[in-house]
Protein backbone atom coordinates (compact mmCIF):
# COMPACT_ATOMS: atom_id res chain seq x y z
CA UNK A 1 16.07 4.42 -17.34
CA UNK A 2 15.78 2.95 -13.67
CA UNK A 3 13.73 0.34 -12.20
CA UNK A 4 12.29 -0.23 -9.03
CA UNK A 5 11.98 -3.36 -7.38
CA UNK A 6 9.32 -4.24 -4.48
CA UNK A 7 9.40 -6.66 -1.96
CA UNK A 8 6.85 -8.28 0.36
CA UNK A 9 9.40 -9.59 3.54
CA UNK A 10 7.92 -12.17 5.71
CA UNK A 11 9.53 -14.83 7.81
CA UNK A 12 9.34 -17.91 5.35
CA UNK A 13 9.17 -15.99 2.22
CA UNK A 14 9.88 -12.78 0.34
CA UNK A 15 7.76 -11.95 -2.37
CA UNK A 16 9.61 -9.91 -5.64
CA UNK A 17 7.97 -7.77 -8.07
CA UNK A 18 9.87 -4.77 -10.51
CA UNK A 19 8.95 -2.27 -12.75
CA UNK A 20 9.20 -1.73 -15.93
CA UNK A 21 11.43 0.94 -17.50
CA UNK A 22 8.77 3.51 -17.23
CA UNK A 23 7.94 2.97 -13.73
CA UNK A 24 4.28 2.47 -14.69
CA UNK A 25 3.66 -1.19 -13.72
CA UNK A 26 4.71 -4.08 -11.18
CA UNK A 27 5.36 -7.43 -12.61
CA UNK A 28 5.74 -10.22 -10.09
CA UNK A 29 9.06 -11.67 -10.60
CA UNK A 30 9.19 -14.50 -7.88
CA UNK A 31 9.03 -15.64 -3.69
CA UNK A 32 12.66 -16.14 -2.25
CA UNK A 33 12.12 -18.73 0.02
CA UNK A 34 14.42 -17.56 3.35
CA UNK A 35 17.29 -19.61 4.22
CA UNK A 36 19.41 -17.03 5.50
CA UNK A 37 20.38 -13.29 5.54
CA UNK A 38 23.19 -13.90 3.18
CA UNK A 39 21.49 -16.18 1.56
CA UNK A 40 18.05 -13.98 1.11
CA UNK A 41 20.95 -10.36 0.16
CA UNK A 42 22.69 -12.82 -2.35
CA UNK A 43 18.97 -13.87 -4.38
CA UNK A 44 18.26 -10.06 -4.59
CA UNK A 45 21.46 -9.03 -5.76
CA UNK A 46 21.05 -11.34 -8.71
CA UNK A 47 17.82 -9.41 -9.35
CA UNK A 48 19.16 -6.01 -8.42
CA UNK A 49 22.03 -6.65 -11.48
CA UNK A 50 19.60 -7.93 -13.33
CA UNK A 51 17.01 -5.34 -13.56
CA UNK A 52 18.78 -2.63 -13.15
CA UNK A 53 17.44 -1.66 -10.23
CA UNK A 54 17.95 1.85 -8.67
CA UNK A 55 15.51 2.10 -5.94
CA UNK A 56 13.25 -0.29 -3.59
CA UNK A 57 10.07 -0.36 -2.05
CA UNK A 58 9.68 -2.81 0.78
CA UNK A 59 6.40 -3.07 2.50
CA UNK A 60 6.28 -2.23 6.02
CA UNK A 61 3.36 -4.25 7.95
CA UNK A 62 1.47 -1.61 10.01
CA UNK A 63 -1.43 -2.41 12.52
CA UNK A 64 -4.43 -1.26 11.95
CA UNK A 65 -4.08 1.85 14.45
CA UNK A 66 -1.29 3.17 12.19
CA UNK A 67 1.45 1.73 14.68
CA UNK A 68 4.55 -0.34 14.22
CA UNK A 69 4.58 -4.19 15.62
CA UNK A 70 7.29 -6.31 16.01
CA UNK A 71 6.92 -7.47 12.56
CA UNK A 72 7.50 -4.62 11.47
CA UNK A 73 10.92 -4.05 13.39
CA UNK A 74 11.76 -7.02 11.40
CA UNK A 75 11.09 -5.64 8.25
CA UNK A 76 13.13 -2.13 9.01
CA UNK A 77 16.27 -4.61 10.19
CA UNK A 78 15.92 -6.40 6.93
CA UNK A 79 15.71 -3.19 4.71
CA UNK A 80 18.31 -1.60 7.09
CA UNK A 81 20.75 -4.76 5.66
CA UNK A 82 19.87 -4.37 2.09
CA UNK A 83 20.91 -0.76 2.30
CA UNK A 84 24.41 -1.16 3.80
CA UNK A 85 24.76 -3.85 1.04
CA UNK A 86 23.55 -2.46 -2.06
CA UNK A 87 23.91 1.13 -1.03
CA UNK A 88 20.72 1.93 -2.90
CA UNK A 89 17.59 4.28 -1.63
CA UNK A 90 14.88 2.48 0.54
CA UNK A 91 10.94 3.71 0.43
CA UNK A 92 8.63 1.78 2.78
CA UNK A 93 5.00 1.59 1.21
CA UNK A 94 2.21 0.97 3.85
CA UNK A 95 1.68 -3.47 3.50
CA UNK A 96 -1.91 -3.42 5.55
CA UNK A 97 -3.95 -5.55 3.61
CA UNK A 98 -1.47 -6.68 0.76
CA UNK A 99 -1.95 -10.04 1.42
CA UNK A 100 -5.75 -10.18 1.67
CA UNK A 101 -6.23 -8.68 -1.45
CA UNK A 102 -4.25 -10.35 -2.98
CA UNK A 103 -5.27 -13.58 -1.25
CA UNK A 104 -9.16 -12.29 -2.84
CA UNK A 105 -7.88 -11.53 -6.20
CA UNK A 106 -6.20 -15.25 -6.56
CA UNK A 107 -9.48 -16.80 -4.96
CA UNK A 108 -11.71 -14.78 -7.68
CA UNK A 109 -8.96 -16.09 -10.16
CA UNK A 110 -10.39 -19.53 -9.19
CA UNK A 111 -7.04 -20.32 -7.84
CA UNK A 112 -6.15 -23.64 -6.18
CA UNK A 113 -5.34 -23.07 -2.28
CA UNK A 114 -2.26 -24.75 -3.05
CA UNK A 115 -0.91 -22.56 -5.84
CA UNK A 116 -2.07 -19.60 -4.05
CA UNK A 117 0.49 -20.60 -1.17
CA UNK A 118 3.14 -19.94 -3.91
CA UNK A 119 2.16 -16.85 -4.91
CA UNK A 120 0.58 -14.92 -2.70
CA UNK A 121 3.77 -13.16 -1.70
CA UNK A 122 4.85 -12.46 -5.18
CA UNK A 123 1.28 -10.97 -5.94
CA UNK A 124 1.59 -8.75 -2.74
CA UNK A 125 4.81 -7.46 -3.64
CA UNK A 126 3.18 -6.75 -7.21
CA UNK A 127 0.42 -4.67 -5.22
CA UNK A 128 2.76 -3.35 -3.08
CA UNK A 129 5.13 -2.10 -5.64
CA UNK A 130 2.01 -0.58 -8.05
CA UNK A 131 0.58 1.33 -5.02
CA UNK A 132 4.31 3.11 -4.87
CA UNK A 133 4.15 3.44 -8.64
CA UNK A 134 0.84 4.79 -8.47
CA UNK A 135 1.57 7.71 -6.61
CA UNK A 136 4.63 8.47 -7.75
CA UNK A 137 3.13 8.70 -10.95
CA UNK A 138 -0.01 10.92 -10.04
CA UNK A 139 3.41 13.65 -8.46
CA UNK A 140 4.74 13.66 -12.19
CA UNK A 141 1.19 14.35 -13.25
CA UNK A 142 0.59 17.27 -11.47
């Protein structure tokens, strides 16, 4: 059984989610507070090993007109470092509006502003990964 890791990569944090062994659902794992690329990769290595991950989905922050901006370039460079270190297949998933959707879900669940700040990136990673899982699941069914 394989698991897929989902990442929401930001400048200050990385939201992390992982699939169940059947790759049907995404669950939030943690939010990594970014310190350095070495530290970030070490934390990811622990998660990759613990969950036996063999594929990574990274949210790509596209502009609303589908173009790539400066934040997309940062995410692509980060993905290159991840691929170089772990030799794992990486897939990009459009993450437009995932943080907005996560924020609305947390507000609807009556989560306080302080608590939202601590979990928003992890929840965005869940949405990114679930979106990808839903696509590959449909491909299997067809």
